[in-house]
């Protein structure tokens, strides 16, 4: 059961210590994705996770982030906070 996610998508971990935590997909390979949240998992050391262990963020509309050249960890934290805060209100 492979999950269809692409680079820039916001996903939620389904398994492991980070279960329920939102991440941004930095890179996608066959069977694996590389994730960062700008806090525990930074851009310089992303989390390698099996595709079956993540699910797309459960929000209506688009949950994508453009990954530009000058992207930093603070940008990822702000984007995740903005997307998740909209759901809590």
PDB file of N, CA and C in Angstrom:
ATOM      1  N   UNK A   1       0.843  -1.184   0.000  1.00  0.00           N
ATOM      2  CA  UNK A   1       0.000   0.000   0.000  1.00  0.00           C
ATOM      3  C   UNK A   1       0.881   1.237   0.000  1.00  0.00           C
ATOM      4  N   UNK A   2       1.214   1.702  -1.168  1.00  0.00           N
ATOM      5  CA  UNK A   2       2.066   2.874  -1.307  1.00  0.00           C
ATOM      6  C   UNK A   2       1.208   4.137  -1.370  1.00  0.00           C
ATOM      7  N   UNK A   3       1.632   5.165  -0.689  1.00  0.00           N
ATOM      8  CA  UNK A   3       0.903   6.424  -0.640  1.00  0.00           C
ATOM      9  C   UNK A   3       1.448   7.348  -1.723  1.00  0.00           C
ATOM     10  N   UNK A   4       0.554   8.000  -2.452  1.00  0.00           N
ATOM     11  CA  UNK A   4       0.965   8.927  -3.494  1.00  0.00           C
ATOM     12  C   UNK A   4       1.237  10.299  -2.885  1.00  0.00           C
ATOM     13  N   UNK A   5       2.492  10.616  -2.736  1.00  0.00           N
ATOM     14  CA  UNK A   5       2.910  11.933  -2.275  1.00  0.00           C
ATOM     15  C   UNK A   5       4.032  12.403  -3.190  1.00  0.00           C
ATOM     16  N   UNK A   6       4.180  13.718  -3.283  1.00  0.00           N
ATOM     17  CA  UNK A   6       5.247  14.261  -4.108  1.00  0.00           C
ATOM     18  C   UNK A   6       5.992  15.332  -3.332  1.00  0.00           C
ATOM     19  N   UNK A   7       7.060  15.816  -3.895  1.00  0.00           N
ATOM     20  CA  UNK A   7       7.913  16.809  -3.245  1.00  0.00           C
ATOM     21  C   UNK A   7       7.096  18.066  -2.943  1.00  0.00           C
ATOM     22  N   UNK A   8       7.204  18.542  -1.716  1.00  0.00           N
ATOM     23  CA  UNK A   8       6.492  19.732  -1.289  1.00  0.00           C
ATOM     24  C   UNK A   8       5.187  19.452  -0.569  1.00  0.00           C
ATOM     25  N   UNK A   9       4.709  18.226  -0.610  1.00  0.00           N
ATOM     26  CA  UNK A   9       3.449  17.875   0.062  1.00  0.00           C
ATOM     27  C   UNK A   9       3.618  17.874   1.576  1.00  0.00           C
ATOM     28  N   UNK A  10       2.550  18.242   2.262  1.00  0.00           N
ATOM     29  CA  UNK A  10       2.509  18.142   3.714  1.00  0.00           C
ATOM     30  C   UNK A  10       1.917  16.784   4.052  1.00  0.00           C
ATOM     31  N   UNK A  11       2.620  16.023   4.886  1.00  0.00           N
ATOM     32  CA  UNK A  11       2.176  14.688   5.266  1.00  0.00           C
ATOM     33  C   UNK A  11       2.210  14.543   6.779  1.00  0.00           C
ATOM     34  N   UNK A  12       1.557  13.499   7.261  1.00  0.00           N
ATOM     35  CA  UNK A  12       1.543  13.176   8.684  1.00  0.00           C
ATOM     36  C   UNK A  12       2.106  11.774   8.846  1.00  0.00           C
ATOM     37  N   UNK A  13       2.965  11.608   9.822  1.00  0.00           N
ATOM     38  CA  UNK A  13       3.547  10.298  10.104  1.00  0.00           C
ATOM     39  C   UNK A  13       2.481   9.375  10.685  1.00  0.00           C
ATOM     40  N   UNK A  14       2.444   8.148  10.182  1.00  0.00           N
ATOM     41  CA  UNK A  14       1.477   7.158  10.649  1.00  0.00           C
ATOM     42  C   UNK A  14       2.088   6.160  11.615  1.00  0.00           C
ATOM     43  N   UNK A  15       3.416   6.109  11.697  1.00  0.00           N
ATOM     44  CA  UNK A  15       4.064   5.101  12.534  1.00  0.00           C
ATOM     45  C   UNK A  15       5.372   5.639  13.085  1.00  0.00           C
ATOM     46  N   UNK A  16       5.796   5.056  14.186  1.00  0.00           N
ATOM     47  CA  UNK A  16       7.078   5.429  14.786  1.00  0.00           C
ATOM     48  C   UNK A  16       6.916   6.416  15.928  1.00  0.00           C
ATOM     49  N   UNK A  17       8.036   6.871  16.438  1.00  0.00           N
ATOM     50  CA  UNK A  17       8.027   7.835  17.540  1.00  0.00           C
ATOM     51  C   UNK A  17       7.374   9.142  17.166  1.00  0.00           C
ATOM     52  N   UNK A  18       7.463   9.490  15.878  1.00  0.00           N
ATOM     53  CA  UNK A  18       6.939  10.761  15.399  1.00  0.00           C
ATOM     54  C   UNK A  18       5.499  10.651  14.895  1.00  0.00           C
ATOM     55  N   UNK A  19       4.788   9.612  15.283  1.00  0.00           N
ATOM     56  CA  UNK A  19       3.414   9.379  14.835  1.00  0.00           C
ATOM     57  C   UNK A  19       2.540  10.599  15.114  1.00  0.00           C
ATOM     58  N   UNK A  20       1.802  11.034  14.092  1.00  0.00           N
ATOM     59  CA  UNK A  20       0.915  12.179  14.226  1.00  0.00           C
ATOM     60  C   UNK A  20       1.572  13.516  13.960  1.00  0.00           C
ATOM     61  N   UNK A  21       2.849  13.539  13.723  1.00  0.00           N
ATOM     62  CA  UNK A  21       3.599  14.775  13.518  1.00  0.00           C
ATOM     63  C   UNK A  21       3.603  15.163  12.032  1.00  0.00           C
ATOM     64  N   UNK A  22       3.367  16.439  11.709  1.00  0.00           N
ATOM     65  CA  UNK A  22       3.380  16.864  10.310  1.00  0.00           C
ATOM     66  C   UNK A  22       4.800  17.097   9.796  1.00  0.00           C
ATOM     67  N   UNK A  23       5.012  16.788   8.529  1.00  0.00           N
ATOM     68  CA  UNK A  23       6.295  16.957   7.854  1.00  0.00           C
ATOM     69  C   UNK A  23       6.073  17.450   6.435  1.00  0.00           C
ATOM     70  N   UNK A  24       7.125  17.986   5.844  1.00  0.00           N
ATOM     71  CA  UNK A  24       7.126  18.347   4.433  1.00  0.00           C
ATOM     72  C   UNK A  24       8.016  17.341   3.712  1.00  0.00           C
ATOM     73  N   UNK A  25       7.566  16.871   2.556  1.00  0.00           N
ATOM     74  CA  UNK A  25       8.334  15.919   1.756  1.00  0.00           C
ATOM     75  C   UNK A  25       9.408  16.690   0.991  1.00  0.00           C
ATOM     76  N   UNK A  26      10.677  16.360   1.245  1.00  0.00           N
ATOM     77  CA  UNK A  26      11.791  17.005   0.562  1.00  0.00           C
ATOM     78  C   UNK A  26      12.206  16.255  -0.695  1.00  0.00           C
ATOM     79  N   UNK A  27      12.122  14.936  -0.618  1.00  0.00           N
ATOM     80  CA  UNK A  27      12.543  14.092  -1.733  1.00  0.00           C
ATOM     81  C   UNK A  27      11.732  12.807  -1.692  1.00  0.00           C
ATOM     82  N   UNK A  28      11.382  12.311  -2.875  1.00  0.00           N
ATOM     83  CA  UNK A  28      10.616  11.074  -2.958  1.00  0.00           C
ATOM     84  C   UNK A  28      11.345  10.096  -3.862  1.00  0.00           C
ATOM     85  N   UNK A  29      11.513   8.889  -3.373  1.00  0.00           N
ATOM     86  CA  UNK A  29      12.129   7.807  -4.132  1.00  0.00           C
ATOM     87  C   UNK A  29      11.164   6.638  -4.130  1.00  0.00           C
ATOM     88  N   UNK A  30      11.495   5.622  -4.866  1.00  0.00           N
ATOM     89  CA  UNK A  30      10.641   4.450  -4.907  1.00  0.00           C
ATOM     90  C   UNK A  30      10.613   3.787  -3.532  1.00  0.00           C
ATOM     91  N   UNK A  31       9.450   3.818  -2.902  1.00  0.00           N
ATOM     92  CA  UNK A  31       9.287   3.167  -1.610  1.00  0.00           C
ATOM     93  C   UNK A  31       9.623   4.023  -0.403  1.00  0.00           C
ATOM     94  N   UNK A  32      10.330   5.148  -0.587  1.00  0.00           N
ATOM     95  CA  UNK A  32      10.743   5.985   0.536  1.00  0.00           C
ATOM     96  C   UNK A  32      10.506   7.458   0.249  1.00  0.00           C
ATOM     97  N   UNK A  33      10.349   8.231   1.327  1.00  0.00           N
ATOM     98  CA  UNK A  33      10.308   9.686   1.239  1.00  0.00           C
ATOM     99  C   UNK A  33      11.271  10.241   2.280  1.00  0.00           C
ATOM    100  N   UNK A  34      11.775  11.425   2.026  1.00  0.00           N
ATOM    101  CA  UNK A  34      12.657  12.121   2.964  1.00  0.00           C
ATOM    102  C   UNK A  34      11.900  13.332   3.486  1.00  0.00           C
ATOM    103  N   UNK A  35      11.786  13.429   4.818  1.00  0.00           N
ATOM    104  CA  UNK A  35      10.911  14.401   5.458  1.00  0.00           C
ATOM    105  C   UNK A  35      11.682  15.362   6.354  1.00  0.00           C
ATOM    106  N   UNK A  36      11.151  16.574   6.479  1.00  0.00           N
ATOM    107  CA  UNK A  36      11.705  17.557   7.410  1.00  0.00           C
ATOM    108  C   UNK A  36      10.555  18.346   8.020  1.00  0.00           C
ATOM    109  N   UNK A  37      10.752  18.777   9.264  1.00  0.00           N
ATOM    110  CA  UNK A  37       9.768  19.643   9.909  1.00  0.00           C
ATOM    111  C   UNK A  37      10.399  20.947  10.391  1.00  0.00           C
ATOM    112  N   UNK A  38      11.692  21.104  10.172  1.00  0.00           N
ATOM    113  CA  UNK A  38      12.372  22.331  10.550  1.00  0.00           C
ATOM    114  C   UNK A  38      12.708  22.403  12.030  1.00  0.00           C
ATOM    115  N   UNK A  39      12.285  21.442  12.809  1.00  0.00           N
ATOM    116  CA  UNK A  39      12.506  21.445  14.246  1.00  0.00           C
ATOM    117  C   UNK A  39      13.345  20.231  14.649  1.00  0.00           C
ATOM    118  N   UNK A  40      12.717  19.086  14.811  1.00  0.00           N
ATOM    119  CA  UNK A  40      13.456  17.871  15.158  1.00  0.00           C
ATOM    120  C   UNK A  40      14.182  17.295  13.946  1.00  0.00           C
ATOM    121  N   UNK A  41      13.565  17.407  12.782  1.00  0.00           N
ATOM    122  CA  UNK A  41      14.171  16.937  11.542  1.00  0.00           C
ATOM    123  C   UNK A  41      14.409  18.134  10.650  1.00  0.00           C
ATOM    124  N   UNK A  42      15.673  18.499  10.537  1.00  0.00           N
ATOM    125  CA  UNK A  42      16.052  19.692   9.776  1.00  0.00           C
ATOM    126  C   UNK A  42      16.406  19.349   8.340  1.00  0.00           C
ATOM    127  N   UNK A  43      16.587  20.380   7.532  1.00  0.00           N
ATOM    128  CA  UNK A  43      16.894  20.205   6.118  1.00  0.00           C
ATOM    129  C   UNK A  43      18.196  19.453   5.893  1.00  0.00           C
ATOM    130  N   UNK A  44      19.176  19.668   6.759  1.00  0.00           N
ATOM    131  CA  UNK A  44      20.477  19.034   6.568  1.00  0.00           C
ATOM    132  C   UNK A  44      20.485  17.555   6.980  1.00  0.00           C
ATOM    133  N   UNK A  45      19.456  17.099   7.702  1.00  0.00           N
ATOM    134  CA  UNK A  45      19.371  15.692   8.095  1.00  0.00           C
ATOM    135  C   UNK A  45      17.903  15.247   8.094  1.00  0.00           C
ATOM    136  N   UNK A  46      17.333  15.065   6.898  1.00  0.00           N
ATOM    137  CA  UNK A  46      15.919  14.686   6.825  1.00  0.00           C
ATOM    138  C   UNK A  46      15.686  13.245   7.279  1.00  0.00           C
ATOM    139  N   UNK A  47      14.453  12.963   7.631  1.00  0.00           N
ATOM    140  CA  UNK A  47      14.037  11.629   8.072  1.00  0.00           C
ATOM    141  C   UNK A  47      13.682  10.786   6.856  1.00  0.00           C
ATOM    142  N   UNK A  48      14.297   9.613   6.739  1.00  0.00           N
ATOM    143  CA  UNK A  48      13.954   8.674   5.679  1.00  0.00           C
ATOM    144  C   UNK A  48      12.858   7.771   6.221  1.00  0.00           C
ATOM    145  N   UNK A  49      11.737   7.727   5.527  1.00  0.00           N
ATOM    146  CA  UNK A  49      10.594   6.967   6.013  1.00  0.00           C
ATOM    147  C   UNK A  49       9.940   6.236   4.840  1.00  0.00           C
ATOM    148  N   UNK A  50       9.442   5.041   5.105  1.00  0.00           N
ATOM    149  CA  UNK A  50       8.722   4.300   4.077  1.00  0.00           C
ATOM    150  C   UNK A  50       7.434   5.045   3.728  1.00  0.00           C
ATOM    151  N   UNK A  51       7.076   4.989   2.441  1.00  0.00           N
ATOM    152  CA  UNK A  51       5.862   5.670   1.983  1.00  0.00           C
ATOM    153  C   UNK A  51       4.621   5.190   2.725  1.00  0.00           C
ATOM    154  N   UNK A  52       4.565   3.908   3.071  1.00  0.00           N
ATOM    155  CA  UNK A  52       3.383   3.380   3.747  1.00  0.00           C
ATOM    156  C   UNK A  52       3.240   3.924   5.165  1.00  0.00           C
ATOM    157  N   UNK A  53       4.271   4.548   5.697  1.00  0.00           N
ATOM    158  CA  UNK A  53       4.226   5.082   7.055  1.00  0.00           C
ATOM    159  C   UNK A  53       3.888   6.552   7.123  1.00  0.00           C
ATOM    160  N   UNK A  54       3.479   7.138   5.989  1.00  0.00           N
ATOM    161  CA  UNK A  54       3.007   8.524   5.976  1.00  0.00           C
ATOM    162  C   UNK A  54       1.662   8.573   5.264  1.00  0.00           C
ATOM    163  N   UNK A  55       0.901   9.610   5.573  1.00  0.00           N
ATOM    164  CA  UNK A  55      -0.363   9.839   4.873  1.00  0.00           C
ATOM    165  C   UNK A  55      -0.452  11.331   4.564  1.00  0.00           C
ATOM    166  N   UNK A  56      -1.158  11.685   3.496  1.00  0.00           N
ATOM    167  CA  UNK A  56      -1.320  13.103   3.172  1.00  0.00           C
ATOM    168  C   UNK A  56      -2.010  13.834   4.320  1.00  0.00           C
ATOM    169  N   UNK A  57      -1.681  15.098   4.490  1.00  0.00           N
ATOM    170  CA  UNK A  57      -2.271  15.888   5.570  1.00  0.00           C
ATOM    171  C   UNK A  57      -3.775  15.989   5.352  1.00  0.00           C
ATOM    172  N   UNK A  58      -4.570  15.700   6.370  1.00  0.00           N
ATOM    173  CA  UNK A  58      -6.027  15.666   6.214  1.00  0.00           C
ATOM    174  C   UNK A  58      -6.663  17.058   6.229  1.00  0.00           C
ATOM    175  N   UNK A  59      -6.453  17.799   5.156  1.00  0.00           N
ATOM    176  CA  UNK A  59      -7.013  19.145   5.063  1.00  0.00           C
ATOM    177  C   UNK A  59      -7.595  19.336   3.680  1.00  0.00           C
ATOM    178  N   UNK A  60      -8.706  19.995   3.625  1.00  0.00           N
ATOM    179  CA  UNK A  60      -9.296  20.282   2.326  1.00  0.00           C
ATOM    180  C   UNK A  60      -8.466  21.344   1.627  1.00  0.00           C
ATOM    181  N   UNK A  61      -8.386  21.261   0.327  1.00  0.00           N
ATOM    182  CA  UNK A  61      -7.593  22.218  -0.428  1.00  0.00           C
ATOM    183  C   UNK A  61      -6.158  21.751  -0.561  1.00  0.00           C
ATOM    184  N   UNK A  62      -5.319  22.649  -0.965  1.00  0.00           N
ATOM    185  CA  UNK A  62      -3.939  22.275  -1.240  1.00  0.00           C
ATOM    186  C   UNK A  62      -3.058  22.403  -0.010  1.00  0.00           C
ATOM    187  N   UNK A  63      -2.208  21.451   0.169  1.00  0.00           N
ATOM    188  CA  UNK A  63      -1.246  21.444   1.278  1.00  0.00           C
ATOM    189  C   UNK A  63       0.129  21.219   0.686  1.00  0.00           C
ATOM    190  N   UNK A  64       0.533  22.112  -0.172  1.00  0.00           N
ATOM    191  CA  UNK A  64       1.835  21.998  -0.835  1.00  0.00           C
ATOM    192  C   UNK A  64       2.704  23.190  -0.472  1.00  0.00           C
ATOM    193  N   UNK A  65       3.984  22.958  -0.542  1.00  0.00           N
ATOM    194  CA  UNK A  65       4.957  24.006  -0.259  1.00  0.00           C
ATOM    195  C   UNK A  65       5.973  24.012  -1.389  1.00  0.00           C
ATOM    196  N   UNK A  66       6.247  25.182  -1.917  1.00  0.00           N
ATOM    197  CA  UNK A  66       7.261  25.286  -2.960  1.00  0.00           C
ATOM    198  C   UNK A  66       8.636  25.229  -2.302  1.00  0.00           C
ATOM    199  N   UNK A  67       9.472  24.317  -2.752  1.00  0.00           N
ATOM    200  CA  UNK A  67      10.809  24.157  -2.195  1.00  0.00           C
ATOM    201  C   UNK A  67      11.797  24.929  -3.069  1.00  0.00           C
ATOM    202  N   UNK A  68      12.114  26.133  -2.652  1.00  0.00           N
ATOM    203  CA  UNK A  68      13.013  27.001  -3.407  1.00  0.00           C
ATOM    204  C   UNK A  68      14.461  26.802  -2.955  1.00  0.00           C
ATOM    205  N   UNK A  69      15.375  27.413  -3.672  1.00  0.00           N
ATOM    206  CA  UNK A  69      16.805  27.252  -3.404  1.00  0.00           C
ATOM    207  C   UNK A  69      17.206  27.771  -2.020  1.00  0.00           C
ATOM    208  N   UNK A  70      16.691  28.904  -1.597  1.00  0.00           N
ATOM    209  CA  UNK A  70      17.102  29.511  -0.333  1.00  0.00           C
ATOM    210  C   UNK A  70      16.250  29.108   0.854  1.00  0.00           C
ATOM    211  N   UNK A  71      15.574  27.987   0.776  1.00  0.00           N
ATOM    212  CA  UNK A  71      14.681  27.535   1.835  1.00  0.00           C
ATOM    213  C   UNK A  71      15.470  27.211   3.101  1.00  0.00           C
ATOM    214  N   UNK A  72      14.927  27.615   4.249  1.00  0.00           N
ATOM    215  CA  UNK A  72      15.591  27.302   5.519  1.00  0.00           C
ATOM    216  C   UNK A  72      14.593  26.620   6.455  1.00  0.00           C
ATOM    217  N   UNK A  73      15.097  26.129   7.565  1.00  0.00           N
ATOM    218  CA  UNK A  73      14.264  25.408   8.533  1.00  0.00           C
ATOM    219  C   UNK A  73      13.136  26.284   9.081  1.00  0.00           C
ATOM    220  N   UNK A  74      13.412  27.565   9.267  1.00  0.00           N
ATOM    221  CA  UNK A  74      12.387  28.476   9.783  1.00  0.00           C
ATOM    222  C   UNK A  74      11.218  28.591   8.809  1.00  0.00           C
ATOM    223  N   UNK A  75      11.494  28.591   7.517  1.00  0.00           N
ATOM    224  CA  UNK A  75      10.428  28.650   6.512  1.00  0.00           C
ATOM    225  C   UNK A  75       9.518  27.428   6.616  1.00  0.00           C
ATOM    226  N   UNK A  76      10.113  26.266   6.805  1.00  0.00           N
ATOM    227  CA  UNK A  76       9.325  25.038   6.933  1.00  0.00           C
ATOM    228  C   UNK A  76       8.485  25.073   8.197  1.00  0.00           C
ATOM    229  N   UNK A  77       9.073  25.504   9.310  1.00  0.00           N
ATOM    230  CA  UNK A  77       8.313  25.598  10.567  1.00  0.00           C
ATOM    231  C   UNK A  77       7.121  26.540  10.428  1.00  0.00           C
ATOM    232  N   UNK A  78       7.328  27.698   9.804  1.00  0.00           N
ATOM    233  CA  UNK A  78       6.249  28.678   9.632  1.00  0.00           C
ATOM    234  C   UNK A  78       5.136  28.134   8.754  1.00  0.00           C
ATOM    235  N   UNK A  79       5.506  27.462   7.679  1.00  0.00           N
ATOM    236  CA  UNK A  79       4.504  26.924   6.753  1.00  0.00           C
ATOM    237  C   UNK A  79       3.688  25.814   7.418  1.00  0.00           C
ATOM    238  N   UNK A  80       4.354  24.925   8.130  1.00  0.00           N
ATOM    239  CA  UNK A  80       3.634  23.859   8.832  1.00  0.00           C
ATOM    240  C   UNK A  80       2.716  24.461   9.893  1.00  0.00           C
ATOM    241  N   UNK A  81       3.203  25.449  10.628  1.00  0.00           N
ATOM    242  CA  UNK A  81       2.390  26.090  11.666  1.00  0.00           C
ATOM    243  C   UNK A  81       1.174  26.777  11.060  1.00  0.00           C
ATOM    244  N   UNK A  82       1.338  27.428   9.916  1.00  0.00           N
ATOM    245  CA  UNK A  82       0.216  28.109   9.277  1.00  0.00           C
ATOM    246  C   UNK A  82      -0.830  27.116   8.790  1.00  0.00           C
ATOM    247  N   UNK A  83      -0.413  26.025   8.211  1.00  0.00           N
ATOM    248  CA  UNK A  83      -1.359  25.029   7.700  1.00  0.00           C
ATOM    249  C   UNK A  83      -2.073  24.286   8.822  1.00  0.00           C
ATOM    250  N   UNK A  84      -1.360  23.973   9.888  1.00  0.00           N
ATOM    251  CA  UNK A  84      -1.979  23.236  10.981  1.00  0.00           C
ATOM    252  C   UNK A  84      -2.838  24.150  11.854  1.00  0.00           C
ATOM    253  N   UNK A  85      -2.471  25.415  11.986  1.00  0.00           N
ATOM    254  CA  UNK A  85      -3.258  26.363  12.795  1.00  0.00           C
ATOM    255  C   UNK A  85      -4.613  26.633  12.148  1.00  0.00           C
ATOM    256  N   UNK A  86      -4.659  26.615  10.826  1.00  0.00           N
ATOM    257  CA  UNK A  86      -5.929  26.852  10.134  1.00  0.00           C
ATOM    258  C   UNK A  86      -6.925  25.740  10.445  1.00  0.00           C
ATOM    259  N   UNK A  87      -6.463  24.546  10.714  1.00  0.00           N
ATOM    260  CA  UNK A  87      -7.344  23.432  11.042  1.00  0.00           C
ATOM    261  C   UNK A  87      -7.842  23.492  12.474  1.00  0.00           C
ATOM    262  N   UNK A  88      -7.073  24.101  13.345  1.00  0.00           N
ATOM    263  CA  UNK A  88      -7.433  24.129  14.766  1.00  0.00           C
ATOM    264  C   UNK A  88      -8.480  25.180  15.079  1.00  0.00           C
ATOM    265  N   UNK A  89      -8.692  26.124  14.180  1.00  0.00           N
ATOM    266  CA  UNK A  89      -9.681  27.188  14.442  1.00  0.00           C
ATOM    267  C   UNK A  89     -11.042  26.812  13.968  1.00  0.00           C
TER     268      UNK A  89
END
